[in-house]
């Protein structure tokens, strides 16, 4: 469990009052979180809406429209990292894997690692693939930004909300959401409880 506020005390965009674009959390972990539980302790001011996006649906649209782009995003490993150097914290975490993770035996997607904030320098991708990878990434980004893929929610004090940020099977259906913005400067305190699947 960890707590965070919007005072930029940790040198990370999650601790700011900035509106964040679509992303999955903990992409810099080797095994990103499967479920995160958010509990809003206190809310001051306006704002505080969170945008969730169905990332699996968007990725499947890319697979249907441009199988070669889907394949690039599913096979080319990308490094994500989190570096924190503050008075009280020293962290450097790195996770490497493709943006879209699929099982090799049935080509079923099981994980999305999409985070432009924590994506590291792309220096492990062969030079001849870099431009093609960016084209594929742009197509996925465009799908993720379609309004019909959006679900807006607002956390209020005392309410607990589970956010599905990875693959989870519920009633035999695959669900996934990418988090857009935690706070937009509205929360003075928010507690996150990660659950690793």
N, C-alpha and C. Protein backbone atom coordinates (compact mmCIF):
# COMPACT_ATOMS: atom_id res chain seq x y z
N UNK A 1 0.84 -1.17 0.00
CA UNK A 1 0.00 0.00 0.00
C UNK A 1 0.89 1.23 0.00
N UNK A 2 0.47 2.24 -0.74
CA UNK A 2 1.18 3.51 -0.69
C UNK A 2 0.18 4.64 -0.85
N UNK A 3 0.52 5.77 -0.29
CA UNK A 3 -0.32 6.97 -0.36
C UNK A 3 0.35 7.98 -1.26
N UNK A 4 -0.45 8.78 -1.94
CA UNK A 4 0.14 9.88 -2.68
C UNK A 4 -0.78 11.07 -2.68
N UNK A 5 -0.18 12.21 -2.88
CA UNK A 5 -0.88 13.49 -2.91
C UNK A 5 -0.52 14.20 -4.20
N UNK A 6 -1.16 15.32 -4.44
CA UNK A 6 -0.90 16.07 -5.67
C UNK A 6 0.07 17.23 -5.42
N UNK A 7 1.02 17.04 -4.51
CA UNK A 7 1.96 18.12 -4.17
C UNK A 7 3.32 17.97 -4.84
N UNK A 8 3.47 17.03 -5.75
CA UNK A 8 4.71 16.75 -6.50
C UNK A 8 5.88 16.42 -5.56
N UNK A 9 5.55 15.82 -4.41
CA UNK A 9 6.58 15.50 -3.42
C UNK A 9 7.51 14.38 -3.86
N UNK A 10 7.12 13.58 -4.84
CA UNK A 10 7.94 12.45 -5.24
C UNK A 10 8.57 12.64 -6.62
N UNK A 11 8.43 13.77 -7.25
CA UNK A 11 9.05 13.99 -8.55
C UNK A 11 8.49 13.10 -9.64
N UNK A 12 7.21 12.76 -9.55
CA UNK A 12 6.56 11.88 -10.51
C UNK A 12 5.25 12.54 -10.93
N UNK A 13 4.86 12.36 -12.19
CA UNK A 13 3.64 12.98 -12.69
C UNK A 13 2.41 12.54 -11.90
N UNK A 14 2.42 11.34 -11.32
CA UNK A 14 1.28 10.87 -10.52
C UNK A 14 1.10 11.71 -9.25
N UNK A 15 2.14 12.39 -8.81
CA UNK A 15 2.08 13.21 -7.60
C UNK A 15 1.92 14.68 -7.95
N UNK A 16 1.37 14.96 -9.09
CA UNK A 16 1.24 16.34 -9.54
C UNK A 16 -0.22 16.71 -9.74
N UNK A 17 -0.46 17.93 -10.15
CA UNK A 17 -1.80 18.38 -10.47
C UNK A 17 -2.03 18.37 -11.97
N UNK A 18 -1.16 17.69 -12.69
CA UNK A 18 -1.27 17.61 -14.15
C UNK A 18 -2.31 16.58 -14.56
N UNK A 19 -3.04 16.88 -15.62
CA UNK A 19 -3.89 15.87 -16.23
C UNK A 19 -3.01 14.94 -17.03
N UNK A 20 -3.14 13.64 -16.81
CA UNK A 20 -2.28 12.67 -17.48
C UNK A 20 -3.01 12.01 -18.64
N UNK A 21 -2.28 11.75 -19.69
CA UNK A 21 -2.84 11.05 -20.85
C UNK A 21 -3.00 9.57 -20.50
N UNK A 22 -3.63 8.84 -21.37
CA UNK A 22 -3.87 7.42 -21.16
C UNK A 22 -2.56 6.69 -20.90
N UNK A 23 -2.58 5.78 -19.93
CA UNK A 23 -1.38 5.00 -19.62
C UNK A 23 -1.74 3.85 -18.69
N UNK A 24 -0.91 2.83 -18.68
CA UNK A 24 -1.02 1.79 -17.66
C UNK A 24 0.00 2.10 -16.58
N UNK A 25 -0.35 1.82 -15.36
CA UNK A 25 0.56 2.04 -14.24
C UNK A 25 1.54 0.88 -14.11
N UNK A 26 2.62 1.15 -13.44
CA UNK A 26 3.66 0.17 -13.08
C UNK A 26 4.22 -0.58 -14.29
N UNK A 27 4.30 0.08 -15.43
CA UNK A 27 4.91 -0.54 -16.61
C UNK A 27 6.38 -0.85 -16.38
N UNK A 28 6.98 -0.20 -15.40
CA UNK A 28 8.39 -0.42 -15.08
C UNK A 28 8.59 -1.63 -14.16
N UNK A 29 7.51 -2.28 -13.74
CA UNK A 29 7.63 -3.55 -13.01
C UNK A 29 7.76 -4.67 -14.04
N UNK A 30 8.49 -5.72 -13.70
CA UNK A 30 8.53 -6.88 -14.59
C UNK A 30 7.15 -7.50 -14.71
N UNK A 31 6.38 -7.48 -13.64
CA UNK A 31 4.99 -7.93 -13.64
C UNK A 31 4.13 -6.75 -13.19
N UNK A 32 3.61 -5.95 -14.13
CA UNK A 32 2.78 -4.80 -13.74
C UNK A 32 1.56 -5.23 -12.93
N UNK A 33 1.04 -4.31 -12.13
CA UNK A 33 -0.13 -4.59 -11.29
C UNK A 33 -1.30 -5.08 -12.14
N UNK A 34 -2.05 -6.01 -11.59
CA UNK A 34 -3.24 -6.51 -12.25
C UNK A 34 -4.47 -5.71 -11.87
N UNK A 35 -4.57 -5.36 -10.61
CA UNK A 35 -5.68 -4.56 -10.11
C UNK A 35 -5.10 -3.53 -9.14
N UNK A 36 -5.62 -2.33 -9.20
CA UNK A 36 -5.27 -1.32 -8.21
C UNK A 36 -6.57 -0.88 -7.55
N UNK A 37 -6.53 -0.75 -6.24
CA UNK A 37 -7.68 -0.27 -5.49
C UNK A 37 -7.36 1.15 -5.04
N UNK A 38 -8.20 2.09 -5.44
CA UNK A 38 -8.01 3.49 -5.07
C UNK A 38 -9.04 3.87 -4.01
N UNK A 39 -8.57 4.48 -2.94
CA UNK A 39 -9.44 4.94 -1.87
C UNK A 39 -9.16 6.43 -1.66
N UNK A 40 -10.10 7.26 -2.00
CA UNK A 40 -9.94 8.70 -1.84
C UNK A 40 -10.21 9.06 -0.38
N UNK A 41 -9.21 9.62 0.28
CA UNK A 41 -9.34 9.99 1.68
C UNK A 41 -9.87 11.40 1.86
N UNK A 42 -9.50 12.30 0.95
CA UNK A 42 -9.89 13.70 1.09
C UNK A 42 -9.91 14.32 -0.29
N UNK A 43 -10.89 15.17 -0.55
CA UNK A 43 -11.01 15.85 -1.83
C UNK A 43 -11.30 17.32 -1.59
N UNK A 44 -10.49 18.18 -2.19
CA UNK A 44 -10.68 19.62 -2.07
C UNK A 44 -10.73 20.22 -3.46
N UNK A 45 -11.62 21.14 -3.68
CA UNK A 45 -11.68 21.83 -4.96
C UNK A 45 -12.51 21.09 -5.99
N UNK A 46 -12.26 21.43 -7.23
CA UNK A 46 -13.01 20.83 -8.33
C UNK A 46 -12.13 19.81 -9.04
N UNK A 47 -12.69 19.17 -10.02
CA UNK A 47 -11.92 18.17 -10.78
C UNK A 47 -11.97 16.82 -10.11
N UNK A 48 -10.99 16.01 -10.45
CA UNK A 48 -10.91 14.69 -9.85
C UNK A 48 -11.51 13.58 -10.68
N UNK A 49 -11.91 13.87 -11.90
CA UNK A 49 -12.44 12.80 -12.75
C UNK A 49 -11.30 11.96 -13.30
N UNK A 50 -11.57 10.68 -13.47
CA UNK A 50 -10.59 9.74 -13.99
C UNK A 50 -11.14 9.13 -15.27
N UNK A 51 -10.33 9.09 -16.30
CA UNK A 51 -10.73 8.48 -17.56
C UNK A 51 -10.15 7.09 -17.66
N UNK A 52 -11.01 6.12 -17.88
CA UNK A 52 -10.60 4.74 -18.12
C UNK A 52 -10.84 4.41 -19.58
N UNK A 53 -9.95 3.63 -20.16
CA UNK A 53 -10.04 3.27 -21.57
C UNK A 53 -9.89 1.77 -21.69
N UNK A 54 -10.69 1.15 -22.53
CA UNK A 54 -10.59 -0.29 -22.77
C UNK A 54 -9.44 -0.54 -23.73
N UNK A 55 -8.27 -0.83 -23.17
CA UNK A 55 -7.06 -1.02 -23.96
C UNK A 55 -7.08 -2.28 -24.80
N UNK A 56 -7.71 -3.35 -24.29
CA UNK A 56 -7.76 -4.58 -25.07
C UNK A 56 -8.60 -4.40 -26.32
N UNK A 57 -9.71 -3.69 -26.18
CA UNK A 57 -10.56 -3.42 -27.35
C UNK A 57 -9.78 -2.62 -28.39
N UNK A 58 -9.09 -1.58 -27.94
CA UNK A 58 -8.31 -0.74 -28.86
C UNK A 58 -7.23 -1.56 -29.56
N UNK A 59 -6.55 -2.43 -28.81
CA UNK A 59 -5.49 -3.26 -29.40
C UNK A 59 -6.07 -4.25 -30.40
N UNK A 60 -7.24 -4.79 -30.10
CA UNK A 60 -7.87 -5.72 -31.06
C UNK A 60 -8.27 -5.00 -32.34
N UNK A 61 -8.67 -3.73 -32.22
CA UNK A 61 -8.97 -2.94 -33.43
C UNK A 61 -7.71 -2.79 -34.28
N UNK A 62 -6.56 -2.55 -33.64
CA UNK A 62 -5.30 -2.46 -34.38
C UNK A 62 -5.00 -3.80 -35.03
N UNK A 63 -5.23 -4.89 -34.32
CA UNK A 63 -4.97 -6.22 -34.89
C UNK A 63 -5.82 -6.45 -36.14
N UNK A 64 -7.09 -6.03 -36.11
CA UNK A 64 -7.98 -6.20 -37.26
C UNK A 64 -7.58 -5.31 -38.43
N UNK A 65 -7.23 -4.06 -38.15
CA UNK A 65 -6.96 -3.08 -39.20
C UNK A 65 -5.55 -3.18 -39.75
N UNK A 66 -4.58 -3.50 -38.90
CA UNK A 66 -3.17 -3.51 -39.31
C UNK A 66 -2.43 -4.63 -38.57
N UNK A 67 -2.60 -5.88 -39.01
CA UNK A 67 -1.96 -6.99 -38.30
C UNK A 67 -0.45 -6.83 -38.15
N UNK A 68 0.19 -6.18 -39.12
CA UNK A 68 1.64 -5.99 -39.04
C UNK A 68 2.01 -5.02 -37.92
N UNK A 69 1.18 -4.01 -37.68
CA UNK A 69 1.43 -3.08 -36.57
C UNK A 69 1.19 -3.76 -35.22
N UNK A 70 0.13 -4.56 -35.14
CA UNK A 70 -0.13 -5.31 -33.92
C UNK A 70 1.05 -6.23 -33.60
N UNK A 71 1.55 -6.90 -34.62
CA UNK A 71 2.67 -7.83 -34.42
C UNK A 71 3.92 -7.11 -33.92
N UNK A 72 4.20 -5.93 -34.47
CA UNK A 72 5.35 -5.15 -33.98
C UNK A 72 5.19 -4.80 -32.50
N UNK A 73 4.00 -4.34 -32.13
CA UNK A 73 3.76 -3.95 -30.74
C UNK A 73 3.76 -5.16 -29.80
N UNK A 74 3.52 -6.34 -30.36
CA UNK A 74 3.49 -7.56 -29.55
C UNK A 74 4.84 -8.28 -29.49
N UNK A 75 5.78 -7.89 -30.35
CA UNK A 75 7.05 -8.62 -30.39
C UNK A 75 8.27 -7.78 -30.05
N UNK A 76 8.21 -6.48 -30.23
CA UNK A 76 9.38 -5.63 -29.99
C UNK A 76 9.42 -5.21 -28.52
N UNK A 77 10.46 -5.60 -27.78
CA UNK A 77 10.53 -5.23 -26.36
C UNK A 77 10.92 -3.76 -26.18
N UNK A 78 10.26 -3.13 -25.23
CA UNK A 78 10.50 -1.72 -24.91
C UNK A 78 10.84 -1.65 -23.42
N UNK A 79 11.76 -0.78 -23.07
CA UNK A 79 12.13 -0.59 -21.66
C UNK A 79 11.31 0.55 -21.07
N UNK A 80 10.74 0.29 -19.89
CA UNK A 80 10.08 1.32 -19.09
C UNK A 80 10.86 1.42 -17.79
N UNK A 81 11.01 2.65 -17.30
CA UNK A 81 11.74 2.79 -16.04
C UNK A 81 11.20 3.94 -15.20
N UNK A 82 11.45 3.80 -13.92
CA UNK A 82 11.09 4.83 -12.95
C UNK A 82 12.34 5.13 -12.14
N UNK A 83 12.76 6.38 -12.17
CA UNK A 83 13.95 6.81 -11.43
C UNK A 83 13.51 7.89 -10.46
N UNK A 84 13.80 7.68 -9.21
CA UNK A 84 13.43 8.64 -8.18
C UNK A 84 14.64 8.90 -7.29
N UNK A 85 15.00 10.15 -7.22
CA UNK A 85 16.09 10.56 -6.33
C UNK A 85 15.59 11.76 -5.54
N UNK A 86 15.20 11.52 -4.33
CA UNK A 86 14.77 12.61 -3.46
C UNK A 86 15.44 12.42 -2.11
N UNK A 87 15.16 13.33 -1.22
CA UNK A 87 15.79 13.28 0.10
C UNK A 87 15.48 11.97 0.83
N UNK A 88 14.26 11.48 0.67
CA UNK A 88 13.84 10.29 1.40
C UNK A 88 13.74 9.03 0.56
N UNK A 89 13.83 9.14 -0.75
CA UNK A 89 13.60 7.98 -1.60
C UNK A 89 14.67 7.86 -2.68
N UNK A 90 15.13 6.64 -2.90
CA UNK A 90 16.07 6.33 -3.98
C UNK A 90 15.56 5.05 -4.65
N UNK A 91 14.98 5.20 -5.82
CA UNK A 91 14.44 4.05 -6.55
C UNK A 91 14.86 4.11 -8.01
N UNK A 92 15.15 2.97 -8.58
CA UNK A 92 15.35 2.84 -10.02
C UNK A 92 14.82 1.47 -10.41
N UNK A 93 13.63 1.47 -10.99
CA UNK A 93 12.98 0.23 -11.39
C UNK A 93 12.89 0.17 -12.90
N UNK A 94 13.11 -1.01 -13.45
CA UNK A 94 13.09 -1.19 -14.90
C UNK A 94 12.30 -2.44 -15.25
N UNK A 95 11.40 -2.30 -16.21
CA UNK A 95 10.66 -3.43 -16.76
C UNK A 95 10.81 -3.42 -18.27
N UNK A 96 11.05 -4.58 -18.85
CA UNK A 96 11.23 -4.68 -20.30
C UNK A 96 10.21 -5.66 -20.85
N UNK A 97 9.52 -5.25 -21.89
CA UNK A 97 8.57 -6.13 -22.55
C UNK A 97 7.86 -5.38 -23.65
N UNK A 98 7.16 -6.10 -24.51
CA UNK A 98 6.42 -5.43 -25.58
C UNK A 98 5.22 -4.66 -25.01
N UNK A 99 4.72 -3.73 -25.79
CA UNK A 99 3.54 -2.97 -25.39
C UNK A 99 2.34 -3.91 -25.25
N UNK A 100 2.18 -4.80 -26.20
CA UNK A 100 1.09 -5.78 -26.18
C UNK A 100 1.70 -7.15 -25.93
N UNK A 101 1.24 -7.83 -24.92
CA UNK A 101 1.76 -9.16 -24.58
C UNK A 101 0.72 -10.20 -24.95
N UNK A 102 1.13 -11.19 -25.74
CA UNK A 102 0.23 -12.25 -26.19
C UNK A 102 0.83 -13.61 -25.86
N UNK A 103 -0.05 -14.57 -25.60
CA UNK A 103 0.41 -15.94 -25.39
C UNK A 103 0.86 -16.50 -26.74
N UNK A 104 2.03 -17.14 -26.80
CA UNK A 104 2.52 -17.64 -28.09
C UNK A 104 1.72 -18.82 -28.63
N UNK A 105 1.04 -19.57 -27.79
CA UNK A 105 0.33 -20.76 -28.26
C UNK A 105 -1.06 -20.46 -28.82
N UNK A 106 -1.67 -19.33 -28.46
CA UNK A 106 -3.00 -19.04 -29.00
C UNK A 106 -3.17 -17.58 -29.44
N UNK A 107 -2.12 -16.77 -29.34
CA UNK A 107 -2.13 -15.37 -29.78
C UNK A 107 -3.14 -14.51 -29.01
N UNK A 108 -3.54 -14.97 -27.84
CA UNK A 108 -4.47 -14.21 -27.01
C UNK A 108 -3.70 -13.18 -26.18
N UNK A 109 -4.19 -11.96 -26.19
CA UNK A 109 -3.54 -10.90 -25.44
C UNK A 109 -3.82 -11.05 -23.95
N UNK A 110 -2.80 -10.83 -23.12
CA UNK A 110 -3.00 -10.94 -21.68
C UNK A 110 -2.50 -9.73 -20.89
N UNK A 111 -1.77 -8.81 -21.52
CA UNK A 111 -1.23 -7.68 -20.77
C UNK A 111 -0.90 -6.55 -21.73
N UNK A 112 -1.14 -5.33 -21.27
CA UNK A 112 -0.76 -4.13 -22.03
C UNK A 112 0.18 -3.32 -21.16
N UNK A 113 1.28 -2.89 -21.76
CA UNK A 113 2.29 -2.07 -21.08
C UNK A 113 2.41 -0.78 -21.90
N UNK A 114 1.48 0.15 -21.68
CA UNK A 114 1.41 1.38 -22.47
C UNK A 114 1.59 2.57 -21.53
N UNK A 115 2.76 3.20 -21.57
CA UNK A 115 3.00 4.34 -20.70
C UNK A 115 4.09 5.22 -21.30
N UNK A 116 3.68 6.32 -21.91
CA UNK A 116 4.65 7.23 -22.51
C UNK A 116 5.41 8.05 -21.47
N UNK A 117 4.92 8.09 -20.24
CA UNK A 117 5.61 8.82 -19.18
C UNK A 117 6.81 8.04 -18.66
N UNK A 118 6.68 6.73 -18.62
CA UNK A 118 7.75 5.89 -18.06
C UNK A 118 8.51 5.11 -19.12
N UNK A 119 8.19 5.32 -20.38
CA UNK A 119 8.93 4.64 -21.44
C UNK A 119 10.33 5.22 -21.51
N UNK A 120 11.31 4.36 -21.53
CA UNK A 120 12.70 4.78 -21.54
C UNK A 120 13.15 5.09 -22.97
N UNK A 121 14.40 5.43 -23.10
CA UNK A 121 15.01 5.64 -24.41
C UNK A 121 14.87 4.35 -25.21
N UNK A 122 14.48 4.46 -26.45
CA UNK A 122 14.31 3.27 -27.28
C UNK A 122 15.64 2.95 -27.94
N UNK A 123 16.49 2.27 -27.19
CA UNK A 123 17.80 1.91 -27.72
C UNK A 123 18.02 0.40 -27.75
N UNK A 124 16.98 -0.37 -27.45
CA UNK A 124 17.10 -1.81 -27.55
C UNK A 124 16.33 -2.35 -28.75
N UNK A 125 15.75 -1.43 -29.53
CA UNK A 125 15.02 -1.81 -30.74
C UNK A 125 15.95 -1.68 -31.93
N UNK A 126 16.02 -2.70 -32.78
CA UNK A 126 16.86 -2.58 -33.98
C UNK A 126 16.50 -1.33 -34.78
N UNK A 127 17.52 -0.65 -35.27
CA UNK A 127 17.34 0.62 -35.95
C UNK A 127 16.32 0.55 -37.08
N UNK A 128 16.33 -0.52 -37.85
CA UNK A 128 15.42 -0.62 -38.99
C UNK A 128 13.96 -0.78 -38.56
N UNK A 129 13.70 -1.06 -37.28
CA UNK A 129 12.32 -1.22 -36.80
C UNK A 129 11.78 0.02 -36.10
N UNK A 130 12.63 0.94 -35.72
CA UNK A 130 12.20 2.06 -34.88
C UNK A 130 11.08 2.87 -35.54
N UNK A 131 11.26 3.28 -36.77
CA UNK A 131 10.23 4.09 -37.45
C UNK A 131 8.92 3.31 -37.57
N UNK A 132 9.00 2.04 -37.94
CA UNK A 132 7.79 1.22 -38.07
C UNK A 132 7.12 1.04 -36.71
N UNK A 133 7.93 0.91 -35.65
CA UNK A 133 7.36 0.76 -34.31
C UNK A 133 6.58 2.02 -33.92
N UNK A 134 7.14 3.19 -34.23
CA UNK A 134 6.44 4.44 -33.90
C UNK A 134 5.14 4.58 -34.68
N UNK A 135 5.11 4.13 -35.92
CA UNK A 135 3.87 4.15 -36.71
C UNK A 135 2.83 3.25 -36.04
N UNK A 136 3.24 2.07 -35.63
CA UNK A 136 2.34 1.13 -34.96
C UNK A 136 1.85 1.71 -33.63
N UNK A 137 2.76 2.31 -32.89
CA UNK A 137 2.40 2.91 -31.60
C UNK A 137 1.41 4.05 -31.79
N UNK A 138 1.59 4.85 -32.82
CA UNK A 138 0.66 5.95 -33.12
C UNK A 138 -0.73 5.40 -33.43
N UNK A 139 -0.79 4.29 -34.17
CA UNK A 139 -2.10 3.72 -34.48
C UNK A 139 -2.81 3.26 -33.20
N UNK A 140 -2.08 2.62 -32.30
CA UNK A 140 -2.68 2.20 -31.03
C UNK A 140 -3.11 3.43 -30.22
N UNK A 141 -2.28 4.45 -30.18
CA UNK A 141 -2.62 5.68 -29.46
C UNK A 141 -3.91 6.29 -30.00
N UNK A 142 -4.05 6.33 -31.32
CA UNK A 142 -5.27 6.88 -31.93
C UNK A 142 -6.50 6.08 -31.51
N UNK A 143 -6.37 4.75 -31.47
CA UNK A 143 -7.49 3.92 -31.03
C UNK A 143 -7.82 4.18 -29.56
N UNK A 144 -6.80 4.30 -28.73
CA UNK A 144 -7.02 4.55 -27.31
C UNK A 144 -7.70 5.89 -27.07
N UNK A 145 -7.52 6.84 -27.98
CA UNK A 145 -8.08 8.18 -27.80
C UNK A 145 -9.47 8.35 -28.41
N UNK A 146 -10.04 7.29 -28.94
CA UNK A 146 -11.39 7.39 -29.50
C UNK A 146 -12.40 7.57 -28.36
N UNK A 147 -13.29 8.57 -28.48
CA UNK A 147 -14.26 8.84 -27.40
C UNK A 147 -15.13 7.63 -27.05
N UNK A 148 -15.43 6.78 -28.01
CA UNK A 148 -16.30 5.63 -27.72
C UNK A 148 -15.63 4.59 -26.83
N UNK A 149 -14.32 4.71 -26.62
CA UNK A 149 -13.60 3.79 -25.74
C UNK A 149 -13.45 4.34 -24.33
N UNK A 150 -14.03 5.48 -24.04
CA UNK A 150 -13.81 6.16 -22.76
C UNK A 150 -14.90 5.85 -21.73
N UNK A 151 -14.49 5.77 -20.48
CA UNK A 151 -15.40 5.68 -19.35
C UNK A 151 -14.85 6.63 -18.28
N UNK A 152 -15.64 7.64 -17.94
CA UNK A 152 -15.22 8.62 -16.93
C UNK A 152 -15.83 8.26 -15.58
N UNK A 153 -15.01 8.30 -14.54
CA UNK A 153 -15.47 8.06 -13.17
C UNK A 153 -14.88 9.14 -12.27
N UNK A 154 -15.49 9.33 -11.12
CA UNK A 154 -14.96 10.30 -10.17
C UNK A 154 -14.89 9.65 -8.79
N UNK A 155 -13.72 9.69 -8.20
CA UNK A 155 -13.53 9.21 -6.84
C UNK A 155 -13.99 10.28 -5.87
N UNK A 156 -14.69 9.87 -4.83
CA UNK A 156 -15.11 10.79 -3.79
C UNK A 156 -14.64 10.25 -2.45
N UNK A 157 -14.44 11.12 -1.47
CA UNK A 157 -13.94 10.66 -0.17
C UNK A 157 -14.81 9.55 0.42
N UNK A 158 -14.13 8.53 0.94
CA UNK A 158 -14.83 7.41 1.55
C UNK A 158 -15.21 6.30 0.59
N UNK A 159 -15.10 6.54 -0.69
CA UNK A 159 -15.43 5.53 -1.69
C UNK A 159 -14.17 4.80 -2.12
N UNK A 160 -14.29 3.53 -2.35
CA UNK A 160 -13.18 2.71 -2.83
C UNK A 160 -13.54 2.24 -4.23
N UNK A 161 -12.58 2.34 -5.15
CA UNK A 161 -12.82 1.90 -6.52
C UNK A 161 -11.66 1.04 -6.97
N UNK A 162 -12.00 -0.12 -7.51
CA UNK A 162 -10.99 -0.99 -8.10
C UNK A 162 -10.84 -0.60 -9.56
N UNK A 163 -9.63 -0.42 -10.00
CA UNK A 163 -9.38 -0.13 -11.40
C UNK A 163 -8.67 -1.32 -12.01
N UNK A 164 -9.24 -1.85 -13.06
CA UNK A 164 -8.62 -2.98 -13.75
C UNK A 164 -7.60 -2.41 -14.72
N UNK A 165 -6.34 -2.71 -14.50
CA UNK A 165 -5.31 -2.16 -15.36
C UNK A 165 -4.56 -3.24 -16.11
N UNK A 166 -5.01 -4.44 -15.99
CA UNK A 166 -4.37 -5.55 -16.66
C UNK A 166 -5.47 -6.51 -17.07
N UNK A 167 -5.11 -7.68 -17.51
CA UNK A 167 -6.08 -8.67 -17.91
C UNK A 167 -6.75 -9.29 -16.69
N UNK A 168 -8.04 -9.35 -16.69
CA UNK A 168 -8.79 -9.99 -15.63
C UNK A 168 -9.97 -10.69 -16.29
N UNK A 169 -10.24 -11.91 -15.91
CA UNK A 169 -11.36 -12.65 -16.49
C UNK A 169 -12.54 -12.56 -15.54
N UNK A 170 -13.62 -11.98 -16.02
CA UNK A 170 -14.85 -11.88 -15.25
C UNK A 170 -15.96 -12.42 -16.14
N UNK A 171 -16.66 -13.43 -15.68
CA UNK A 171 -17.72 -14.04 -16.47
C UNK A 171 -17.24 -14.42 -17.85
N UNK A 172 -16.04 -14.97 -17.92
CA UNK A 172 -15.44 -15.44 -19.16
C UNK A 172 -15.22 -14.34 -20.19
N UNK A 173 -15.15 -13.10 -19.75
CA UNK A 173 -14.85 -12.01 -20.67
C UNK A 173 -13.59 -11.31 -20.20
N UNK A 174 -12.77 -10.91 -21.14
CA UNK A 174 -11.52 -10.23 -20.83
C UNK A 174 -11.80 -8.74 -20.66
N UNK A 175 -11.26 -8.16 -19.59
CA UNK A 175 -11.45 -6.74 -19.32
C UNK A 175 -10.10 -6.08 -19.13
N UNK A 176 -9.96 -4.86 -19.58
CA UNK A 176 -8.75 -4.10 -19.33
C UNK A 176 -9.07 -2.63 -19.42
N UNK A 177 -8.42 -1.86 -18.58
CA UNK A 177 -8.58 -0.42 -18.64
C UNK A 177 -7.24 0.23 -18.45
N UNK A 178 -7.02 1.30 -19.14
CA UNK A 178 -5.83 2.12 -18.97
C UNK A 178 -6.25 3.37 -18.21
N UNK A 179 -5.47 3.74 -17.24
CA UNK A 179 -5.80 4.91 -16.44
C UNK A 179 -5.37 6.17 -17.17
N UNK A 180 -6.20 7.19 -17.15
CA UNK A 180 -5.87 8.46 -17.79
C UNK A 180 -5.38 9.47 -16.76
N UNK A 181 -6.18 9.82 -15.81
CA UNK A 181 -5.79 10.86 -14.85
C UNK A 181 -6.30 10.50 -13.47
N UNK A 182 -5.42 10.55 -12.49
CA UNK A 182 -5.84 10.26 -11.13
C UNK A 182 -6.62 11.40 -10.52
N UNK A 183 -6.11 12.59 -10.64
CA UNK A 183 -6.60 13.63 -9.77
C UNK A 183 -6.91 14.95 -10.45
N UNK A 184 -6.15 15.32 -11.44
CA UNK A 184 -6.34 16.63 -12.06
C UNK A 184 -6.26 17.73 -11.02
N UNK A 185 -5.43 17.52 -10.00
CA UNK A 185 -5.22 18.54 -8.99
C UNK A 185 -6.28 18.62 -7.93
N UNK A 186 -7.16 17.63 -7.84
CA UNK A 186 -8.28 17.75 -6.94
C UNK A 186 -8.09 17.04 -5.61
N UNK A 187 -7.25 16.04 -5.55
CA UNK A 187 -7.13 15.26 -4.33
C UNK A 187 -5.95 15.72 -3.50
N UNK A 188 -6.19 15.90 -2.22
CA UNK A 188 -5.07 16.21 -1.35
C UNK A 188 -4.46 14.92 -0.80
N UNK A 189 -5.22 13.82 -0.86
CA UNK A 189 -4.67 12.54 -0.41
C UNK A 189 -5.44 11.41 -1.07
N UNK A 190 -4.72 10.44 -1.57
CA UNK A 190 -5.31 9.29 -2.24
C UNK A 190 -4.46 8.09 -1.88
N UNK A 191 -5.09 6.98 -1.56
CA UNK A 191 -4.36 5.78 -1.16
C UNK A 191 -4.54 4.71 -2.23
N UNK A 192 -3.44 4.05 -2.62
CA UNK A 192 -3.48 3.01 -3.63
C UNK A 192 -3.09 1.68 -3.00
N UNK A 193 -3.88 0.65 -3.27
CA UNK A 193 -3.59 -0.69 -2.79
C UNK A 193 -3.41 -1.58 -4.01
N UNK A 194 -2.20 -1.96 -4.36
CA UNK A 194 -2.01 -2.78 -5.55
C UNK A 194 -2.31 -4.24 -5.27
N UNK A 195 -2.83 -4.92 -6.26
CA UNK A 195 -3.05 -6.36 -6.18
C UNK A 195 -2.36 -6.97 -7.38
N UNK A 196 -1.43 -7.85 -7.12
CA UNK A 196 -0.69 -8.48 -8.21
C UNK A 196 -1.35 -9.79 -8.55
N UNK A 197 -1.69 -9.96 -9.82
CA UNK A 197 -2.36 -11.18 -10.26
C UNK A 197 -1.35 -12.23 -10.62
